[in-house]
């Protein structure tokens, strides 16, 4: 099989009857006018684990089938669990360059809080098989089926399941990659996709204080690691009472050779006076500030007896008063 074949997108064209921008094709009803899809267009098929893998015995749908609540049984389905490589060969032969698949939760977490390492290994091999054939994996984390134990405890509406156990199992699995490598690749992928269509607008990523490379506490979006992909650094900083110096020290960690914008800030956890001090002293490091505006102008806030409105008014008046001098 030729894995270096031209992308499938270049071999498919729209029929002349398809509308373009809401208008009939110019050649409709006469000579065919063909429209090529853009480079990088993804063509593929979609599968759902329960529908194709087979022997999905730990899921709630299998239980429903066995109890007679559903008229048909999935059984071994098309045995995709074991035949996935042959199936992907067919997809590639058909000209696909992408494939959407779902991960079967009941295989990955057959019992509450228990990871099935063999199942994780299986899906890693599935993803590797897709990439080896030039098929872009498009992963669905949940496609209707759930583990039996989850359904028996009340499913999605039950109080114990307010957080995202299953999604965390997947997203927190770093596959032996450091956090900053995952974040850098994510940033580079998005920036590249944007630049293919837009060369004019600036690109940034919203960062927080735990983006810094601190032992045991970092999101992975380390400023110096992702800065090459960005036009400027954007950070959320809310000074705490009695810790203005600490907030300024945190801000210094984002000064990595790109302009720094404090895109979220507000006297949420400090006094107005402390906040004004923070703004004043941060001018040496920041190229700009963005505050909050909840839709009520100062005139309306002045007529309110609400304490939150009073705090917001104080903030807006300060921001307006200092706007002309900021950055000078």
C-alpha atoms as a PDB file:
ATOM      1  CA  UNK A   1       0.000   0.000   0.000  1.00  0.00           C
ATOM      2  CA  UNK A   2       1.316   3.438  -0.924  1.00  0.00           C
ATOM      3  CA  UNK A   3       1.206   5.473   2.289  1.00  0.00           C
ATOM      4  CA  UNK A   4       2.614   8.453   0.412  1.00  0.00           C
ATOM      5  CA  UNK A   5      -0.375   8.734  -1.892  1.00  0.00           C
ATOM      6  CA  UNK A   6      -1.866  12.178  -2.434  1.00  0.00           C
ATOM      7  CA  UNK A   7      -4.464  13.212   0.183  1.00  0.00           C
ATOM      8  CA  UNK A   8      -7.922  11.931  -0.544  1.00  0.00           C
ATOM      9  CA  UNK A   9      -9.228  15.498  -0.608  1.00  0.00           C
ATOM     10  CA  UNK A  10      -7.482  16.146  -3.913  1.00  0.00           C
ATOM     11  CA  UNK A  11      -9.255  13.231  -5.573  1.00  0.00           C
ATOM     12  CA  UNK A  12     -12.823  14.143  -4.644  1.00  0.00           C
ATOM     13  CA  UNK A  13     -14.877  16.911  -6.192  1.00  0.00           C
ATOM     14  CA  UNK A  14     -18.362  18.220  -5.562  1.00  0.00           C
ATOM     15  CA  UNK A  15     -21.161  17.476  -7.986  1.00  0.00           C
ATOM     16  CA  UNK A  16     -22.202  20.499 -10.084  1.00  0.00           C
ATOM     17  CA  UNK A  17     -25.586  20.693  -8.371  1.00  0.00           C
ATOM     18  CA  UNK A  18     -24.042  21.492  -4.976  1.00  0.00           C
ATOM     19  CA  UNK A  19     -24.554  25.131  -3.915  1.00  0.00           C
ATOM     20  CA  UNK A  20     -21.591  27.400  -3.367  1.00  0.00           C
ATOM     21  CA  UNK A  21     -22.065  30.142  -0.748  1.00  0.00           C
ATOM     22  CA  UNK A  22     -25.807  29.558  -0.927  1.00  0.00           C
ATOM     23  CA  UNK A  23     -25.947  30.027  -4.735  1.00  0.00           C
ATOM     24  CA  UNK A  24     -26.511  27.303  -7.344  1.00  0.00           C
ATOM     25  CA  UNK A  25     -23.383  26.203  -9.151  1.00  0.00           C
ATOM     26  CA  UNK A  26     -22.857  28.205 -12.357  1.00  0.00           C
ATOM     27  CA  UNK A  27     -22.829  25.017 -14.401  1.00  0.00           C
ATOM     28  CA  UNK A  28     -25.958  23.464 -12.923  1.00  0.00           C
ATOM     29  CA  UNK A  29     -28.128  22.141 -15.718  1.00  0.00           C
ATOM     30  CA  UNK A  30     -25.370  22.550 -18.318  1.00  0.00           C
ATOM     31  CA  UNK A  31     -21.757  21.448 -18.514  1.00  0.00           C
ATOM     32  CA  UNK A  32     -20.447  20.106 -15.183  1.00  0.00           C
ATOM     33  CA  UNK A  33     -18.491  22.572 -13.053  1.00  0.00           C
ATOM     34  CA  UNK A  34     -16.369  20.806 -10.456  1.00  0.00           C
ATOM     35  CA  UNK A  35     -15.142  22.333  -7.210  1.00  0.00           C
ATOM     36  CA  UNK A  36     -12.053  20.837  -5.568  1.00  0.00           C
ATOM     37  CA  UNK A  37     -11.986  20.585  -1.791  1.00  0.00           C
ATOM     38  CA  UNK A  38      -9.205  22.536  -0.057  1.00  0.00           C
ATOM     39  CA  UNK A  39      -5.852  20.946   0.810  1.00  0.00           C
ATOM     40  CA  UNK A  40      -5.947  19.151   4.133  1.00  0.00           C
ATOM     41  CA  UNK A  41      -9.685  18.423   3.938  1.00  0.00           C
ATOM     42  CA  UNK A  42     -10.439  15.324   6.027  1.00  0.00           C
ATOM     43  CA  UNK A  43     -12.354  12.457   4.460  1.00  0.00           C
ATOM     44  CA  UNK A  44     -13.225   9.458   6.557  1.00  0.00           C
ATOM     45  CA  UNK A  45     -15.732   7.224   8.256  1.00  0.00           C
ATOM     46  CA  UNK A  46     -16.925   6.929  11.847  1.00  0.00           C
ATOM     47  CA  UNK A  47     -17.281   3.971  14.170  1.00  0.00           C
ATOM     48  CA  UNK A  48     -18.645   3.541  17.684  1.00  0.00           C
ATOM     49  CA  UNK A  49     -16.985   0.972  19.915  1.00  0.00           C
ATOM     50  CA  UNK A  50     -20.139  -0.912  20.924  1.00  0.00           C
ATOM     51  CA  UNK A  51     -21.373  -1.093  17.344  1.00  0.00           C
ATOM     52  CA  UNK A  52     -18.210  -2.560  15.822  1.00  0.00           C
ATOM     53  CA  UNK A  53     -15.828  -4.021  18.416  1.00  0.00           C
ATOM     54  CA  UNK A  54     -17.924  -6.912  19.691  1.00  0.00           C
ATOM     55  CA  UNK A  55     -18.039  -8.680  23.067  1.00  0.00           C
ATOM     56  CA  UNK A  56     -18.635  -5.439  24.908  1.00  0.00           C
ATOM     57  CA  UNK A  57     -19.777  -7.425  27.940  1.00  0.00           C
ATOM     58  CA  UNK A  58     -19.059  -4.913  30.701  1.00  0.00           C
ATOM     59  CA  UNK A  59     -21.300  -2.178  29.284  1.00  0.00           C
ATOM     60  CA  UNK A  60     -24.839  -1.179  30.189  1.00  0.00           C
ATOM     61  CA  UNK A  61     -26.022  -1.752  26.609  1.00  0.00           C
ATOM     62  CA  UNK A  62     -24.785  -5.349  26.663  1.00  0.00           C
ATOM     63  CA  UNK A  63     -26.730  -5.850  29.886  1.00  0.00           C
ATOM     64  CA  UNK A  64     -29.844  -4.367  28.260  1.00  0.00           C
ATOM     65  CA  UNK A  65     -29.437  -6.700  25.282  1.00  0.00           C
ATOM     66  CA  UNK A  66     -29.016  -9.756  27.463  1.00  0.00           C
ATOM     67  CA  UNK A  67     -32.065  -8.904  29.578  1.00  0.00           C
ATOM     68  CA  UNK A  68     -34.293  -8.570  26.513  1.00  0.00           C
ATOM     69  CA  UNK A  69     -34.838  -4.816  26.835  1.00  0.00           C
ATOM     70  CA  UNK A  70     -33.315  -4.347  23.377  1.00  0.00           C
ATOM     71  CA  UNK A  71     -34.557  -6.422  20.423  1.00  0.00           C
ATOM     72  CA  UNK A  72     -31.121  -7.123  18.913  1.00  0.00           C
ATOM     73  CA  UNK A  73     -27.808  -8.302  20.309  1.00  0.00           C
ATOM     74  CA  UNK A  74     -24.465  -6.936  19.233  1.00  0.00           C
ATOM     75  CA  UNK A  75     -22.525 -10.147  19.868  1.00  0.00           C
ATOM     76  CA  UNK A  76     -19.166 -10.007  18.141  1.00  0.00           C
ATOM     77  CA  UNK A  77     -20.441  -7.253  15.818  1.00  0.00           C
ATOM     78  CA  UNK A  78     -17.908  -7.043  12.974  1.00  0.00           C
ATOM     79  CA  UNK A  79     -15.095  -8.122  15.311  1.00  0.00           C
ATOM     80  CA  UNK A  80     -13.326  -4.783  14.986  1.00  0.00           C
ATOM     81  CA  UNK A  81     -11.675  -5.391  18.352  1.00  0.00           C
ATOM     82  CA  UNK A  82      -9.425  -7.932  16.660  1.00  0.00           C
ATOM     83  CA  UNK A  83      -9.714  -6.910  13.001  1.00  0.00           C
ATOM     84  CA  UNK A  84      -9.088  -3.173  13.312  1.00  0.00           C
ATOM     85  CA  UNK A  85      -5.883  -3.238  11.255  1.00  0.00           C
ATOM     86  CA  UNK A  86      -7.610  -4.914   8.299  1.00  0.00           C
ATOM     87  CA  UNK A  87     -10.490  -2.448   8.650  1.00  0.00           C
ATOM     88  CA  UNK A  88      -8.087   0.485   8.554  1.00  0.00           C
ATOM     89  CA  UNK A  89      -6.413  -1.002   5.472  1.00  0.00           C
ATOM     90  CA  UNK A  90      -9.804  -0.892   3.756  1.00  0.00           C
ATOM     91  CA  UNK A  91     -10.376   2.694   4.867  1.00  0.00           C
ATOM     92  CA  UNK A  92      -7.019   3.730   3.426  1.00  0.00           C
ATOM     93  CA  UNK A  93      -7.762   1.866   0.181  1.00  0.00           C
ATOM     94  CA  UNK A  94     -11.029   3.818  -0.102  1.00  0.00           C
ATOM     95  CA  UNK A  95      -9.071   7.084  -0.007  1.00  0.00           C
ATOM     96  CA  UNK A  96      -9.783   8.051   3.593  1.00  0.00           C
ATOM     97  CA  UNK A  97      -7.318  10.250   5.444  1.00  0.00           C
ATOM     98  CA  UNK A  98      -9.156  10.400   8.799  1.00  0.00           C
ATOM     99  CA  UNK A  99     -11.168   8.122  11.051  1.00  0.00           C
ATOM    100  CA  UNK A 100     -13.444   8.887  13.969  1.00  0.00           C
ATOM    101  CA  UNK A 101     -13.605   6.268  16.696  1.00  0.00           C
ATOM    102  CA  UNK A 102     -14.873   6.027  20.256  1.00  0.00           C
ATOM    103  CA  UNK A 103     -13.131   4.618  23.315  1.00  0.00           C
ATOM    104  CA  UNK A 104     -15.212   2.057  25.188  1.00  0.00           C
ATOM    105  CA  UNK A 105     -15.409   3.270  28.771  1.00  0.00           C
ATOM    106  CA  UNK A 106     -16.436  -0.111  30.168  1.00  0.00           C
ATOM    107  CA  UNK A 107     -13.198  -1.633  28.874  1.00  0.00           C
ATOM    108  CA  UNK A 108     -11.000   1.141  30.239  1.00  0.00           C
ATOM    109  CA  UNK A 109     -12.662   1.282  33.679  1.00  0.00           C
ATOM    110  CA  UNK A 110     -14.446  -2.071  34.220  1.00  0.00           C
ATOM    111  CA  UNK A 111     -14.771  -1.387  37.962  1.00  0.00           C
ATOM    112  CA  UNK A 112     -15.000   1.954  39.794  1.00  0.00           C
ATOM    113  CA  UNK A 113     -11.593   3.612  39.832  1.00  0.00           C
ATOM    114  CA  UNK A 114      -9.821   0.619  38.267  1.00  0.00           C
ATOM    115  CA  UNK A 115      -7.778   1.172  35.100  1.00  0.00           C
ATOM    116  CA  UNK A 116      -7.554  -1.802  32.759  1.00  0.00           C
ATOM    117  CA  UNK A 117      -4.008  -1.396  31.461  1.00  0.00           C
ATOM    118  CA  UNK A 118      -4.551  -3.991  28.728  1.00  0.00           C
ATOM    119  CA  UNK A 119      -7.460  -1.938  27.370  1.00  0.00           C
ATOM    120  CA  UNK A 120      -5.401   1.248  27.445  1.00  0.00           C
ATOM    121  CA  UNK A 121      -2.652  -0.591  25.579  1.00  0.00           C
ATOM    122  CA  UNK A 122      -5.162  -1.814  23.007  1.00  0.00           C
ATOM    123  CA  UNK A 123      -6.392   1.677  22.193  1.00  0.00           C
ATOM    124  CA  UNK A 124      -2.815   2.952  21.994  1.00  0.00           C
ATOM    125  CA  UNK A 125      -2.151   0.311  19.329  1.00  0.00           C
ATOM    126  CA  UNK A 126      -5.358   1.277  17.531  1.00  0.00           C
ATOM    127  CA  UNK A 127      -4.264   4.920  17.362  1.00  0.00           C
ATOM    128  CA  UNK A 128      -0.785   3.902  16.211  1.00  0.00           C
ATOM    129  CA  UNK A 129      -2.338   1.752  13.462  1.00  0.00           C
ATOM    130  CA  UNK A 130      -4.348   4.733  12.233  1.00  0.00           C
ATOM    131  CA  UNK A 131      -1.354   7.049  12.139  1.00  0.00           C
ATOM    132  CA  UNK A 132       0.779   4.415  10.398  1.00  0.00           C
ATOM    133  CA  UNK A 133      -1.757   4.424   7.545  1.00  0.00           C
ATOM    134  CA  UNK A 134      -1.958   8.188   7.280  1.00  0.00           C
ATOM    135  CA  UNK A 135      -5.392   8.305   8.928  1.00  0.00           C
ATOM    136  CA  UNK A 136      -5.934  11.229  11.317  1.00  0.00           C
ATOM    137  CA  UNK A 137      -7.535   9.883  14.536  1.00  0.00           C
ATOM    138  CA  UNK A 138     -10.613  11.800  15.703  1.00  0.00           C
ATOM    139  CA  UNK A 139     -11.380  10.470  19.181  1.00  0.00           C
ATOM    140  CA  UNK A 140     -14.806  10.425  20.852  1.00  0.00           C
ATOM    141  CA  UNK A 141     -14.471   9.965  24.613  1.00  0.00           C
ATOM    142  CA  UNK A 142     -18.041   8.809  25.229  1.00  0.00           C
ATOM    143  CA  UNK A 143     -20.544   7.359  22.772  1.00  0.00           C
ATOM    144  CA  UNK A 144     -23.735   6.397  24.651  1.00  0.00           C
ATOM    145  CA  UNK A 145     -22.524   3.194  26.342  1.00  0.00           C
ATOM    146  CA  UNK A 146     -21.283   3.195  29.941  1.00  0.00           C
ATOM    147  CA  UNK A 147     -19.968   0.563  32.371  1.00  0.00           C
ATOM    148  CA  UNK A 148     -22.570  -1.598  34.113  1.00  0.00           C
ATOM    149  CA  UNK A 149     -21.416  -0.439  37.530  1.00  0.00           C
ATOM    150  CA  UNK A 150     -21.963   3.179  36.477  1.00  0.00           C
ATOM    151  CA  UNK A 151     -25.503   2.514  35.255  1.00  0.00           C
ATOM    152  CA  UNK A 152     -26.359   0.483  38.361  1.00  0.00           C
ATOM    153  CA  UNK A 153     -25.398   3.453  40.557  1.00  0.00           C
ATOM    154  CA  UNK A 154     -27.742   5.801  38.750  1.00  0.00           C
ATOM    155  CA  UNK A 155     -25.739   6.880  35.710  1.00  0.00           C
ATOM    156  CA  UNK A 156     -25.102  10.491  34.822  1.00  0.00           C
ATOM    157  CA  UNK A 157     -27.841  11.845  37.069  1.00  0.00           C
ATOM    158  CA  UNK A 158     -26.562  10.168  40.231  1.00  0.00           C
ATOM    159  CA  UNK A 159     -24.864  12.417  42.841  1.00  0.00           C
ATOM    160  CA  UNK A 160     -21.578  10.453  42.982  1.00  0.00           C
ATOM    161  CA  UNK A 161     -20.784  11.213  39.358  1.00  0.00           C
ATOM    162  CA  UNK A 162     -20.702  14.987  39.357  1.00  0.00           C
ATOM    163  CA  UNK A 163     -17.054  15.021  38.319  1.00  0.00           C
ATOM    164  CA  UNK A 164     -15.495  13.476  35.222  1.00  0.00           C
ATOM    165  CA  UNK A 165     -13.834  10.240  36.316  1.00  0.00           C
ATOM    166  CA  UNK A 166     -13.665   8.666  32.862  1.00  0.00           C
ATOM    167  CA  UNK A 167     -12.556  11.759  30.974  1.00  0.00           C
ATOM    168  CA  UNK A 168      -9.832  12.306  33.564  1.00  0.00           C
ATOM    169  CA  UNK A 169      -8.573   8.764  33.013  1.00  0.00           C
ATOM    170  CA  UNK A 170      -8.009   9.630  29.355  1.00  0.00           C
ATOM    171  CA  UNK A 171      -6.875  13.248  29.499  1.00  0.00           C
ATOM    172  CA  UNK A 172      -4.500  12.771  32.446  1.00  0.00           C
ATOM    173  CA  UNK A 173      -2.701   9.881  30.737  1.00  0.00           C
ATOM    174  CA  UNK A 174       0.407  11.640  29.420  1.00  0.00           C
ATOM    175  CA  UNK A 175       1.755   8.597  27.537  1.00  0.00           C
ATOM    176  CA  UNK A 176       5.226   9.197  29.058  1.00  0.00           C
ATOM    177  CA  UNK A 177       5.360  12.738  27.657  1.00  0.00           C
ATOM    178  CA  UNK A 178       6.191  15.704  29.917  1.00  0.00           C
ATOM    179  CA  UNK A 179       3.350  18.164  30.402  1.00  0.00           C
ATOM    180  CA  UNK A 180       5.146  21.028  28.687  1.00  0.00           C
ATOM    181  CA  UNK A 181       5.677  18.911  25.555  1.00  0.00           C
ATOM    182  CA  UNK A 182       1.941  18.216  25.276  1.00  0.00           C
ATOM    183  CA  UNK A 183       1.124  21.899  25.829  1.00  0.00           C
ATOM    184  CA  UNK A 184       3.732  23.067  23.315  1.00  0.00           C
ATOM    185  CA  UNK A 185       2.465  20.696  20.635  1.00  0.00           C
ATOM    186  CA  UNK A 186      -1.158  21.723  21.290  1.00  0.00           C
ATOM    187  CA  UNK A 187      -0.221  25.400  21.004  1.00  0.00           C
ATOM    188  CA  UNK A 188       1.823  24.861  17.846  1.00  0.00           C
ATOM    189  CA  UNK A 189      -0.983  22.868  16.210  1.00  0.00           C
ATOM    190  CA  UNK A 190      -3.601  25.550  16.877  1.00  0.00           C
ATOM    191  CA  UNK A 191      -1.317  28.418  15.874  1.00  0.00           C
ATOM    192  CA  UNK A 192      -0.430  26.684  12.614  1.00  0.00           C
ATOM    193  CA  UNK A 193      -4.094  26.022  11.818  1.00  0.00           C
ATOM    194  CA  UNK A 194      -5.000  29.663  12.469  1.00  0.00           C
ATOM    195  CA  UNK A 195      -2.121  30.998  10.390  1.00  0.00           C
ATOM    196  CA  UNK A 196      -3.201  28.983   7.368  1.00  0.00           C
ATOM    197  CA  UNK A 197      -6.313  31.167   7.203  1.00  0.00           C
ATOM    198  CA  UNK A 198      -5.369  34.357   9.041  1.00  0.00           C
ATOM    199  CA  UNK A 199      -2.001  36.084   8.803  1.00  0.00           C
ATOM    200  CA  UNK A 200      -3.186  39.341  10.348  1.00  0.00           C
ATOM    201  CA  UNK A 201      -4.542  38.784  13.853  1.00  0.00           C
ATOM    202  CA  UNK A 202      -2.278  38.085  16.797  1.00  0.00           C
ATOM    203  CA  UNK A 203      -2.316  34.735  18.584  1.00  0.00           C
ATOM    204  CA  UNK A 204      -2.010  34.085  22.308  1.00  0.00           C
ATOM    205  CA  UNK A 205      -3.024  31.566  24.970  1.00  0.00           C
ATOM    206  CA  UNK A 206      -4.568  32.509  28.309  1.00  0.00           C
ATOM    207  CA  UNK A 207      -2.129  31.554  31.080  1.00  0.00           C
ATOM    208  CA  UNK A 208      -2.482  31.386  34.863  1.00  0.00           C
ATOM    209  CA  UNK A 209      -0.042  31.441  37.755  1.00  0.00           C
ATOM    210  CA  UNK A 210       0.305  27.641  37.752  1.00  0.00           C
ATOM    211  CA  UNK A 211       1.476  27.783  34.131  1.00  0.00           C
ATOM    212  CA  UNK A 212       4.937  28.575  35.492  1.00  0.00           C
ATOM    213  CA  UNK A 213       7.387  25.695  35.712  1.00  0.00           C
ATOM    214  CA  UNK A 214       7.113  24.993  39.422  1.00  0.00           C
ATOM    215  CA  UNK A 215       7.864  21.547  40.910  1.00  0.00           C
ATOM    216  CA  UNK A 216       4.669  19.583  41.461  1.00  0.00           C
ATOM    217  CA  UNK A 217       2.357  22.319  40.183  1.00  0.00           C
ATOM    218  CA  UNK A 218       2.313  23.280  36.526  1.00  0.00           C
ATOM    219  CA  UNK A 219      -0.294  23.088  33.790  1.00  0.00           C
ATOM    220  CA  UNK A 220       2.469  22.473  31.265  1.00  0.00           C
ATOM    221  CA  UNK A 221       1.840  25.770  29.471  1.00  0.00           C
ATOM    222  CA  UNK A 222       5.227  27.071  30.551  1.00  0.00           C
ATOM    223  CA  UNK A 223       5.692  30.585  29.083  1.00  0.00           C
ATOM    224  CA  UNK A 224       9.208  30.094  27.726  1.00  0.00           C
ATOM    225  CA  UNK A 225       8.192  26.775  26.108  1.00  0.00           C
ATOM    226  CA  UNK A 226       5.158  28.056  24.194  1.00  0.00           C
ATOM    227  CA  UNK A 227       6.267  31.666  23.592  1.00  0.00           C
ATOM    228  CA  UNK A 228       7.788  30.891  20.150  1.00  0.00           C
ATOM    229  CA  UNK A 229       4.286  29.983  18.899  1.00  0.00           C
ATOM    230  CA  UNK A 230       2.664  33.175  20.240  1.00  0.00           C
ATOM    231  CA  UNK A 231       2.637  36.852  19.334  1.00  0.00           C
ATOM    232  CA  UNK A 232       2.271  37.937  22.954  1.00  0.00           C
ATOM    233  CA  UNK A 233       1.877  36.428  26.419  1.00  0.00           C
ATOM    234  CA  UNK A 234      -1.531  36.673  28.054  1.00  0.00           C
ATOM    235  CA  UNK A 235      -1.954  36.009  31.770  1.00  0.00           C
ATOM    236  CA  UNK A 236      -4.680  36.081  34.430  1.00  0.00           C
ATOM    237  CA  UNK A 237      -3.488  37.552  37.725  1.00  0.00           C
ATOM    238  CA  UNK A 238      -5.614  38.360  40.781  1.00  0.00           C
ATOM    239  CA  UNK A 239      -3.463  39.813  43.580  1.00  0.00           C
ATOM    240  CA  UNK A 240      -4.245  38.503  47.068  1.00  0.00           C
ATOM    241  CA  UNK A 241      -4.541  40.606  50.199  1.00  0.00           C
ATOM    242  CA  UNK A 242      -1.090  41.317  51.591  1.00  0.00           C
ATOM    243  CA  UNK A 243       0.636  39.604  48.643  1.00  0.00           C
ATOM    244  CA  UNK A 244       1.140  42.303  46.021  1.00  0.00           C
ATOM    245  CA  UNK A 245       4.884  41.578  45.890  1.00  0.00           C
ATOM    246  CA  UNK A 246       4.141  37.904  45.294  1.00  0.00           C
ATOM    247  CA  UNK A 247       1.768  38.770  42.432  1.00  0.00           C
ATOM    248  CA  UNK A 248       4.459  40.939  40.833  1.00  0.00           C
ATOM    249  CA  UNK A 249       7.006  38.149  41.220  1.00  0.00           C
ATOM    250  CA  UNK A 250       4.576  35.787  39.482  1.00  0.00           C
ATOM    251  CA  UNK A 251       4.156  38.329  36.694  1.00  0.00           C
ATOM    252  CA  UNK A 252       7.939  38.404  36.213  1.00  0.00           C
ATOM    253  CA  UNK A 253       7.828  34.700  35.365  1.00  0.00           C
ATOM    254  CA  UNK A 254       5.838  35.512  32.229  1.00  0.00           C
ATOM    255  CA  UNK A 255       8.371  38.034  30.921  1.00  0.00           C
ATOM    256  CA  UNK A 256      10.101  35.774  28.405  1.00  0.00           C
ATOM    257  CA  UNK A 257      10.799  38.139  25.529  1.00  0.00           C
ATOM    258  CA  UNK A 258       7.256  38.678  24.254  1.00  0.00           C
ATOM    259  CA  UNK A 259       4.860  41.510  25.197  1.00  0.00           C
ATOM    260  CA  UNK A 260       2.838  40.618  28.299  1.00  0.00           C
ATOM    261  CA  UNK A 261      -0.864  41.420  28.550  1.00  0.00           C
ATOM    262  CA  UNK A 262      -2.637  41.041  31.891  1.00  0.00           C
ATOM    263  CA  UNK A 263      -5.889  39.945  30.307  1.00  0.00           C
ATOM    264  CA  UNK A 264      -7.835  39.163  33.469  1.00  0.00           C
ATOM    265  CA  UNK A 265      -7.428  41.160  36.637  1.00  0.00           C
ATOM    266  CA  UNK A 266      -9.736  42.574  39.277  1.00  0.00           C
ATOM    267  CA  UNK A 267      -9.575  43.375  43.039  1.00  0.00           C
ATOM    268  CA  UNK A 268     -11.255  40.058  43.735  1.00  0.00           C
ATOM    269  CA  UNK A 269      -9.044  38.978  46.638  1.00  0.00           C
ATOM    270  CA  UNK A 270      -7.406  42.215  47.748  1.00  0.00           C
ATOM    271  CA  UNK A 271      -8.335  45.760  48.687  1.00  0.00           C
ATOM    272  CA  UNK A 272      -8.819  48.434  46.058  1.00  0.00           C
ATOM    273  CA  UNK A 273      -5.738  50.248  47.369  1.00  0.00           C
ATOM    274  CA  UNK A 274      -3.594  47.109  47.056  1.00  0.00           C
ATOM    275  CA  UNK A 275      -4.931  46.559  43.571  1.00  0.00           C
ATOM    276  CA  UNK A 276      -4.034  50.101  42.511  1.00  0.00           C
ATOM    277  CA  UNK A 277      -0.521  49.485  43.834  1.00  0.00           C
ATOM    278  CA  UNK A 278      -0.304  46.299  41.783  1.00  0.00           C
ATOM    279  CA  UNK A 279      -1.384  48.106  38.606  1.00  0.00           C
ATOM    280  CA  UNK A 280       1.060  50.952  39.223  1.00  0.00           C
ATOM    281  CA  UNK A 281       4.042  48.683  39.823  1.00  0.00           C
ATOM    282  CA  UNK A 282       3.153  46.225  37.049  1.00  0.00           C
ATOM    283  CA  UNK A 283       3.584  48.929  34.395  1.00  0.00           C
ATOM    284  CA  UNK A 284       7.286  48.081  34.245  1.00  0.00           C
ATOM    285  CA  UNK A 285       6.445  44.534  33.101  1.00  0.00           C
ATOM    286  CA  UNK A 286       3.048  44.627  31.380  1.00  0.00           C
ATOM    287  CA  UNK A 287       2.211  46.050  27.967  1.00  0.00           C
ATOM    288  CA  UNK A 288      -1.497  46.264  28.758  1.00  0.00           C
ATOM    289  CA  UNK A 289      -4.387  45.313  31.025  1.00  0.00           C
ATOM    290  CA  UNK A 290      -7.920  44.064  30.445  1.00  0.00           C
ATOM    291  CA  UNK A 291     -10.440  44.254  33.260  1.00  0.00           C
ATOM    292  CA  UNK A 292     -14.049  43.194  33.685  1.00  0.00           C
ATOM    293  CA  UNK A 293     -17.218  44.869  32.539  1.00  0.00           C
ATOM    294  CA  UNK A 294     -20.530  43.126  33.254  1.00  0.00           C
ATOM    295  CA  UNK A 295     -22.728  45.390  31.174  1.00  0.00           C
ATOM    296  CA  UNK A 296     -23.756  47.989  33.757  1.00  0.00           C
ATOM    297  CA  UNK A 297     -22.355  51.491  33.148  1.00  0.00           C
ATOM    298  CA  UNK A 298     -21.112  53.536  36.134  1.00  0.00           C
ATOM    299  CA  UNK A 299     -24.300  55.642  36.112  1.00  0.00           C
ATOM    300  CA  UNK A 300     -26.403  52.542  36.734  1.00  0.00           C
ATOM    301  CA  UNK A 301     -24.032  51.151  39.352  1.00  0.00           C
ATOM    302  CA  UNK A 302     -24.211  54.387  41.362  1.00  0.00           C
ATOM    303  CA  UNK A 303     -27.957  53.896  41.803  1.00  0.00           C
ATOM    304  CA  UNK A 304     -27.552  50.366  43.154  1.00  0.00           C
ATOM    305  CA  UNK A 305     -27.467  49.291  46.813  1.00  0.00           C
ATOM    306  CA  UNK A 306     -25.728  46.009  45.952  1.00  0.00           C
ATOM    307  CA  UNK A 307     -22.255  45.538  47.489  1.00  0.00           C
ATOM    308  CA  UNK A 308     -20.999  43.770  44.357  1.00  0.00           C
ATOM    309  CA  UNK A 309     -22.096  46.739  42.250  1.00  0.00           C
ATOM    310  CA  UNK A 310     -20.282  49.100  44.624  1.00  0.00           C
ATOM    311  CA  UNK A 311     -17.031  47.138  44.251  1.00  0.00           C
ATOM    312  CA  UNK A 312     -17.441  47.016  40.477  1.00  0.00           C
ATOM    313  CA  UNK A 313     -18.105  50.764  40.353  1.00  0.00           C
ATOM    314  CA  UNK A 314     -14.956  51.458  42.335  1.00  0.00           C
ATOM    315  CA  UNK A 315     -13.002  49.300  39.897  1.00  0.00           C
ATOM    316  CA  UNK A 316     -14.468  50.923  36.772  1.00  0.00           C
ATOM    317  CA  UNK A 317     -13.863  54.438  38.035  1.00  0.00           C
ATOM    318  CA  UNK A 318     -10.268  53.573  38.845  1.00  0.00           C
ATOM    319  CA  UNK A 319      -9.718  51.911  35.475  1.00  0.00           C
ATOM    320  CA  UNK A 320     -11.213  54.859  33.596  1.00  0.00           C
ATOM    321  CA  UNK A 321      -9.175  57.302  35.650  1.00  0.00           C
ATOM    322  CA  UNK A 322      -5.931  55.494  34.972  1.00  0.00           C
ATOM    323  CA  UNK A 323      -6.595  54.434  31.376  1.00  0.00           C
ATOM    324  CA  UNK A 324      -4.856  57.430  29.842  1.00  0.00           C
ATOM    325  CA  UNK A 325      -1.708  57.062  31.915  1.00  0.00           C
ATOM    326  CA  UNK A 326      -1.353  53.275  31.694  1.00  0.00           C
ATOM    327  CA  UNK A 327       1.521  52.245  29.531  1.00  0.00           C
ATOM    328  CA  UNK A 328       3.037  55.733  29.443  1.00  0.00           C
END
